[in-house]
C-alpha cells in the first residue's frame, strides 16, 4: 500500500457554487411545482391545512437545501488529491470511497479544461491520461481547483524527475 506523504490538497471552495447551483435549483423547482399544483386544488393535503401550506412548503424547501448543503460540505471534504514524490493520489466519494493512484512515470498527458462558469471563478479541471489507460479516457480527473496551471507545472516537473531517475 502506498504511503501518502504529500500535502493533502482540497478542491476550491467555488465547488459549492458549481455543484450547489444545479441541486438547489432542482429542489426549488420541485417544491415550486408542488406548491403550484396544490394551490390549484385549494384542498387540504394529507395533514396540512390549505391555509398553512405556504409555510410548510417554504420550510420543507429550506430544510432540503440545508441537507443538500451539508451533503456538499461532506463531499467537498472527502474529495482531495495528493502529489507525493512518486505518484499522484486522487481520493473521492462519501459512502463509495474511491482512491486512484497514478505513478508519475505512467502519466502521458495532463490537460486542463474550463467551463464558462469555471472561467468566471478562475478554477479548472485537470484531466490525467496514462500509458496503460484507454485512449481518450482519463485515468484521473481533479475537478474545480483554483491553481490548476501551477499544479500542471508541478506534475510535469515531477514527471521529468521520475523519467530522469529511471534513465540514470
Protein backbone atom coordinates (compact mmCIF):
# COMPACT_ATOMS: atom_id res chain seq x y z
CA UNK A 1 0.00 0.00 0.00
CA UNK A 2 1.25 3.46 -0.87
CA UNK A 3 2.25 5.84 1.87
CA UNK A 4 0.57 9.21 1.38
CA UNK A 5 3.47 11.51 2.26
CA UNK A 6 2.49 14.59 0.26
CA UNK A 7 0.38 17.57 1.19
CA UNK A 8 -3.37 16.91 1.07
CA UNK A 9 -4.89 19.44 -1.34
CA UNK A 10 -8.59 20.20 -1.43
CA UNK A 11 -10.77 21.41 -4.23
CA UNK A 12 -11.56 25.11 -4.46
CA UNK A 13 -14.42 26.41 -2.30
CA UNK A 14 -16.03 27.59 -5.53
CA UNK A 15 -17.12 23.97 -5.89
CA UNK A 16 -20.04 24.76 -3.56
CA UNK A 17 -21.39 27.23 -6.12
CA UNK A 18 -20.73 24.97 -9.10
CA UNK A 19 -22.10 21.77 -7.54
CA UNK A 20 -24.76 23.52 -5.48
CA UNK A 21 -26.42 25.60 -8.19
CA UNK A 22 -27.85 22.60 -10.01
CA UNK A 23 -29.08 20.80 -6.89
CA UNK A 24 -30.59 23.84 -5.20
CA UNK A 25 -32.29 24.91 -8.43
CA UNK A 26 -33.79 21.42 -8.74
CA UNK A 27 -35.04 21.45 -5.14
CA UNK A 28 -36.66 24.87 -5.54
CA UNK A 29 -38.23 23.86 -8.87
CA UNK A 30 -39.76 20.68 -7.41
CA UNK A 31 -41.23 22.49 -4.40
CA UNK A 32 -42.49 25.37 -6.58
CA UNK A 33 -44.17 22.85 -8.89
CA UNK A 34 -45.77 21.05 -5.93
CA UNK A 35 -46.88 24.37 -4.48
CA UNK A 36 -48.44 25.38 -7.79
CA UNK A 37 -50.24 22.06 -8.23
CA UNK A 38 -51.51 22.10 -4.66
CA UNK A 39 -52.72 25.70 -4.92
CA UNK A 40 -54.89 24.74 -7.90
CA UNK A 41 -56.92 22.28 -5.82
CA UNK A 42 -57.37 24.51 -2.75
CA UNK A 43 -57.90 21.49 -0.53
CA UNK A 44 -56.05 20.04 2.42
CA UNK A 45 -53.13 17.82 1.54
CA UNK A 46 -52.77 14.91 3.95
CA UNK A 47 -52.45 16.61 7.36
CA UNK A 48 -51.54 20.09 6.04
CA UNK A 49 -54.36 22.65 6.02
CA UNK A 50 -54.55 24.65 2.81
CA UNK A 51 -54.04 27.95 4.65
CA UNK A 52 -50.72 26.78 6.13
CA UNK A 53 -49.35 25.09 3.05
CA UNK A 54 -47.12 28.06 2.10
CA UNK A 55 -45.35 27.89 5.45
CA UNK A 56 -44.79 24.13 5.17
CA UNK A 57 -43.62 24.40 1.56
CA UNK A 58 -41.05 27.10 2.35
CA UNK A 59 -39.92 25.22 5.47
CA UNK A 60 -39.54 21.93 3.58
CA UNK A 61 -37.63 23.68 0.80
CA UNK A 62 -35.26 25.34 3.29
CA UNK A 63 -34.77 22.04 5.13
CA UNK A 64 -33.93 20.18 1.89
CA UNK A 65 -31.49 22.92 0.86
CA UNK A 66 -29.75 22.73 4.26
CA UNK A 67 -29.47 18.94 3.98
CA UNK A 68 -28.08 19.32 0.46
CA UNK A 69 -25.52 21.92 1.58
CA UNK A 70 -24.41 19.56 4.35
CA UNK A 71 -24.00 16.80 1.77
CA UNK A 72 -21.92 19.15 -0.41
CA UNK A 73 -19.67 20.00 2.55
CA UNK A 74 -19.06 16.31 3.27
CA UNK A 75 -18.48 15.64 -0.45
CA UNK A 76 -16.01 18.55 -0.62
CA UNK A 77 -14.13 17.35 2.47
CA UNK A 78 -13.82 13.84 1.03
CA UNK A 79 -12.56 14.88 -2.41
CA UNK A 80 -8.87 15.76 -2.48
CA UNK A 81 -5.59 14.98 -4.19
CA UNK A 82 -2.01 14.43 -3.04
CA UNK A 83 1.20 14.96 -5.00
CA UNK A 84 3.83 12.66 -3.49
CA UNK A 85 7.40 12.25 -4.73
CA UNK A 86 6.50 9.29 -6.94
CA UNK A 87 2.75 9.40 -7.64
CA UNK A 88 -0.48 11.35 -7.81
CA UNK A 89 -3.26 10.19 -5.48
CA UNK A 90 -6.87 11.25 -6.06
CA UNK A 91 -9.48 10.44 -3.44
CA UNK A 92 -13.21 10.99 -3.75
CA UNK A 93 -16.50 9.61 -2.51
CA UNK A 94 -18.50 9.52 0.67
CA UNK A 95 -20.10 6.10 1.01
CA UNK A 96 -18.38 4.59 -2.03
CA UNK A 97 -14.84 5.84 -1.50
CA UNK A 98 -12.52 5.77 -4.50
CA UNK A 99 -8.75 6.18 -4.40
CA UNK A 100 -6.82 6.44 -7.66
CA UNK A 101 -3.03 6.14 -7.56
CA UNK A 102 -1.16 7.19 -10.69
CA UNK A 103 2.65 6.86 -10.77
CA UNK A 104 4.20 9.88 -12.49
CA UNK A 105 6.15 7.64 -14.84
CA UNK A 106 2.85 6.36 -16.34
CA UNK A 107 1.36 9.80 -16.99
CA UNK A 108 1.24 10.52 -20.72
CA UNK A 109 -0.89 13.64 -20.82
CA UNK A 110 -2.05 16.31 -18.37
CA UNK A 111 -4.77 18.62 -19.70
CA UNK A 112 -6.90 21.33 -18.18
CA UNK A 113 -10.44 22.20 -19.09
CA UNK A 114 -12.59 25.12 -18.02
CA UNK A 115 -16.31 25.62 -18.49
CA UNK A 116 -17.69 29.14 -18.73
CA UNK A 117 -18.58 29.07 -15.03
CA UNK A 118 -15.10 27.80 -14.16
CA UNK A 119 -13.53 30.63 -16.17
CA UNK A 120 -15.62 33.18 -14.28
CA UNK A 121 -14.43 31.77 -10.94
CA UNK A 122 -10.88 31.12 -12.20
CA UNK A 123 -10.85 27.39 -11.48
CA UNK A 124 -10.16 24.45 -13.75
CA UNK A 125 -10.40 20.69 -14.04
CA UNK A 126 -7.28 18.59 -14.55
CA UNK A 127 -7.54 15.57 -16.81
CA UNK A 128 -4.76 12.98 -16.46
CA UNK A 129 -4.25 10.24 -19.07
CA UNK A 130 -1.84 7.36 -18.56
CA UNK A 131 0.07 4.94 -20.77
CA UNK A 132 -1.97 1.98 -19.51
CA UNK A 133 -5.34 3.69 -19.79
CA UNK A 134 -7.91 3.57 -22.56
CA UNK A 135 -7.18 6.06 -25.34
CA UNK A 136 -9.21 9.24 -24.91
CA UNK A 137 -10.42 8.23 -21.44
CA UNK A 138 -8.94 9.96 -18.43
CA UNK A 139 -7.39 7.84 -15.70
CA UNK A 140 -7.78 10.65 -13.19
CA UNK A 141 -9.87 13.81 -13.02
CA UNK A 142 -9.36 16.55 -10.44
CA UNK A 143 -12.27 18.98 -10.69
CA UNK A 144 -12.51 22.63 -9.68
CA UNK A 145 -9.02 23.51 -8.47
CA UNK A 146 -8.08 27.16 -8.20
CA UNK A 147 -4.40 26.91 -9.12
CA UNK A 148 -4.70 24.41 -11.95
CA UNK A 149 -1.86 25.93 -14.03
CA UNK A 150 0.58 25.70 -11.12
CA UNK A 151 -0.50 22.12 -10.37
CA UNK A 152 0.06 21.14 -14.02
CA UNK A 153 3.57 22.64 -13.86
CA UNK A 154 4.26 20.78 -10.62
CA UNK A 155 3.03 17.47 -12.05
CA UNK A 156 5.09 17.94 -15.24
CA UNK A 157 8.15 18.70 -13.12
CA UNK A 158 7.60 15.52 -11.10
CA UNK A 159 7.16 13.52 -14.34
CA UNK A 160 10.53 14.82 -15.58
CA UNK A 161 12.21 13.92 -12.29
CA UNK A 162 10.70 10.41 -12.41
CA UNK A 163 11.92 9.91 -16.01
CA UNK A 164 15.41 11.13 -15.10
CA UNK A 165 15.60 8.70 -12.19
CA UNK A 166 14.74 5.78 -14.49
CA UNK A 167 17.31 6.81 -17.10
CA UNK A 168 20.10 7.17 -14.52
